Every structure is written in structure tokens, then in C-alpha cells.
């Protein structure tokens, strides 16, 4: 769905995916007290998989 939306809006797939991820995190998790810590740990886990 995102690639189709990206084509329709003439936006790169990466840009729309990044905005989607940001919107989901902020709307679903934005009120969590330790969100920043959780995101940092998640990023570290993702980096170690590369």
C-alpha cells in the first residue's frame, strides 16, 4: 500500500515509510514515559543486526 501511495503522491518510498513510522510511534506510543529509552534500545538492536 505504501509504494502505491508514494507513487500517487510522487514521494519517494523511503520518505513516506519514515513518516508513517514516525506517525505510528507518536500516535500509539507518544505518551509513554520511557519512550526515548525504548527507542534507543530498539535502534541499538537494529544496528547490531546489520
N, C-alpha and C. Protein backbone atom coordinates (compact mmCIF):
# COMPACT_ATOMS: atom_id res chain seq x y z
N UNK A 1 0.82 -1.20 0.00
CA UNK A 1 0.00 0.00 0.00
C UNK A 1 0.87 1.26 0.00
N UNK A 2 1.91 1.28 0.79
CA UNK A 2 2.75 2.47 0.86
C UNK A 2 3.41 2.80 -0.48
N UNK A 3 3.94 1.82 -1.22
CA UNK A 3 4.53 2.17 -2.52
C UNK A 3 3.52 2.80 -3.46
N UNK A 4 2.27 2.29 -3.46
CA UNK A 4 1.22 2.85 -4.31
C UNK A 4 0.92 4.28 -3.92
N UNK A 5 0.80 4.52 -2.63
CA UNK A 5 0.55 5.88 -2.13
C UNK A 5 1.70 6.80 -2.49
N UNK A 6 2.91 6.29 -2.36
CA UNK A 6 4.09 7.10 -2.69
C UNK A 6 4.08 7.50 -4.16
N UNK A 7 3.73 6.56 -5.03
CA UNK A 7 3.66 6.88 -6.46
C UNK A 7 2.58 7.93 -6.73
N UNK A 8 1.44 7.76 -6.11
CA UNK A 8 0.33 8.68 -6.32
C UNK A 8 0.70 10.09 -5.87
N UNK A 9 1.46 10.19 -4.80
CA UNK A 9 1.84 11.50 -4.27
C UNK A 9 3.20 11.97 -4.78
N UNK A 10 3.83 11.16 -5.63
CA UNK A 10 5.14 11.46 -6.19
C UNK A 10 6.18 11.71 -5.09
N UNK A 11 6.16 10.84 -4.09
CA UNK A 11 7.09 10.91 -2.97
C UNK A 11 7.89 9.62 -2.98
N UNK A 12 9.14 9.69 -2.61
CA UNK A 12 9.98 8.51 -2.54
C UNK A 12 9.45 7.55 -1.47
N UNK A 13 9.58 6.25 -1.76
CA UNK A 13 9.12 5.23 -0.82
C UNK A 13 9.71 5.42 0.56
N UNK A 14 11.00 5.73 0.63
CA UNK A 14 11.67 5.89 1.93
C UNK A 14 11.04 7.02 2.73
N UNK A 15 10.77 8.14 2.07
CA UNK A 15 10.20 9.30 2.77
C UNK A 15 8.85 8.98 3.36
N UNK A 16 8.00 8.30 2.59
CA UNK A 16 6.65 8.01 3.10
C UNK A 16 6.71 6.95 4.19
N UNK A 17 7.63 6.00 4.08
CA UNK A 17 7.75 4.98 5.12
C UNK A 17 8.25 5.59 6.42
N UNK A 18 9.22 6.49 6.33
CA UNK A 18 9.74 7.15 7.53
C UNK A 18 8.64 7.97 8.21
N UNK A 19 7.87 8.70 7.44
CA UNK A 19 6.78 9.50 8.01
C UNK A 19 5.72 8.61 8.64
N UNK A 20 5.44 7.48 8.00
CA UNK A 20 4.46 6.53 8.54
C UNK A 20 4.93 5.99 9.88
N UNK A 21 6.20 5.56 9.95
CA UNK A 21 6.76 5.03 11.20
C UNK A 21 6.69 6.08 12.29
N UNK A 22 7.08 7.30 11.96
CA UNK A 22 7.06 8.39 12.94
C UNK A 22 5.64 8.64 13.45
N UNK A 23 4.68 8.68 12.54
CA UNK A 23 3.30 8.94 12.93
C UNK A 23 2.74 7.84 13.83
N UNK A 24 3.05 6.59 13.49
CA UNK A 24 2.56 5.47 14.30
C UNK A 24 3.16 5.50 15.69
N UNK A 25 4.45 5.73 15.76
CA UNK A 25 5.12 5.77 17.07
C UNK A 25 4.55 6.90 17.92
N UNK A 26 4.44 8.08 17.35
CA UNK A 26 3.96 9.21 18.13
C UNK A 26 2.49 9.07 18.53
N UNK A 27 1.66 8.54 17.65
CA UNK A 27 0.24 8.43 18.00
C UNK A 27 -0.03 7.28 18.95
N UNK A 28 0.69 6.17 18.79
CA UNK A 28 0.43 4.99 19.62
C UNK A 28 1.26 4.95 20.90
N UNK A 29 2.44 5.53 20.87
CA UNK A 29 3.36 5.40 21.99
C UNK A 29 3.84 6.73 22.58
N UNK A 30 3.41 7.82 22.00
CA UNK A 30 3.92 9.14 22.36
C UNK A 30 3.80 9.52 23.82
N UNK A 31 2.87 8.92 24.54
CA UNK A 31 2.66 9.28 25.94
C UNK A 31 3.48 8.43 26.92
N UNK A 32 4.20 7.44 26.41
CA UNK A 32 4.98 6.58 27.30
C UNK A 32 6.13 7.36 27.94
N UNK A 33 6.31 7.13 29.19
CA UNK A 33 7.31 7.86 29.97
C UNK A 33 8.74 7.56 29.52
N UNK A 34 8.99 6.33 29.13
CA UNK A 34 10.35 5.93 28.75
C UNK A 34 10.45 5.61 27.26
N UNK A 35 9.68 6.32 26.47
CA UNK A 35 9.68 6.10 25.02
C UNK A 35 11.07 6.29 24.43
N UNK A 36 11.73 7.36 24.79
CA UNK A 36 13.06 7.64 24.25
C UNK A 36 14.03 6.50 24.55
N UNK A 37 14.01 6.00 25.78
CA UNK A 37 14.89 4.89 26.16
C UNK A 37 14.56 3.64 25.34
N UNK A 38 13.30 3.36 25.19
CA UNK A 38 12.88 2.19 24.43
C UNK A 38 13.29 2.30 22.97
N UNK A 39 13.15 3.49 22.41
CA UNK A 39 13.55 3.70 21.01
C UNK A 39 15.05 3.57 20.84
N UNK A 40 15.81 4.08 21.79
CA UNK A 40 17.27 3.96 21.73
C UNK A 40 17.69 2.50 21.76
N UNK A 41 17.08 1.71 22.64
CA UNK A 41 17.41 0.29 22.71
C UNK A 41 17.00 -0.44 21.43
N UNK A 42 15.87 -0.04 20.86
CA UNK A 42 15.41 -0.64 19.62
C UNK A 42 16.39 -0.33 18.49
N UNK A 43 16.84 0.92 18.41
CA UNK A 43 17.82 1.30 17.38
C UNK A 43 19.12 0.52 17.54
N UNK A 44 19.56 0.36 18.77
CA UNK A 44 20.77 -0.42 19.02
C UNK A 44 20.60 -1.87 18.58
N UNK A 45 19.44 -2.43 18.83
CA UNK A 45 19.16 -3.81 18.40
C UNK A 45 19.17 -3.91 16.87
N UNK A 46 18.57 -2.93 16.22
CA UNK A 46 18.54 -2.93 14.76
C UNK A 46 19.94 -2.79 14.18
N UNK A 47 20.76 -1.94 14.78
CA UNK A 47 22.13 -1.75 14.31
C UNK A 47 22.95 -3.02 14.46
N UNK A 48 22.73 -3.76 15.53
CA UNK A 48 23.52 -4.98 15.76
C UNK A 48 23.14 -6.09 14.78
N UNK A 49 21.99 -5.99 14.16
CA UNK A 49 21.55 -7.00 13.18
C UNK A 49 22.17 -6.74 11.81
N UNK A 50 22.71 -5.57 11.58
CA UNK A 50 23.27 -5.23 10.26
C UNK A 50 24.56 -5.94 10.01
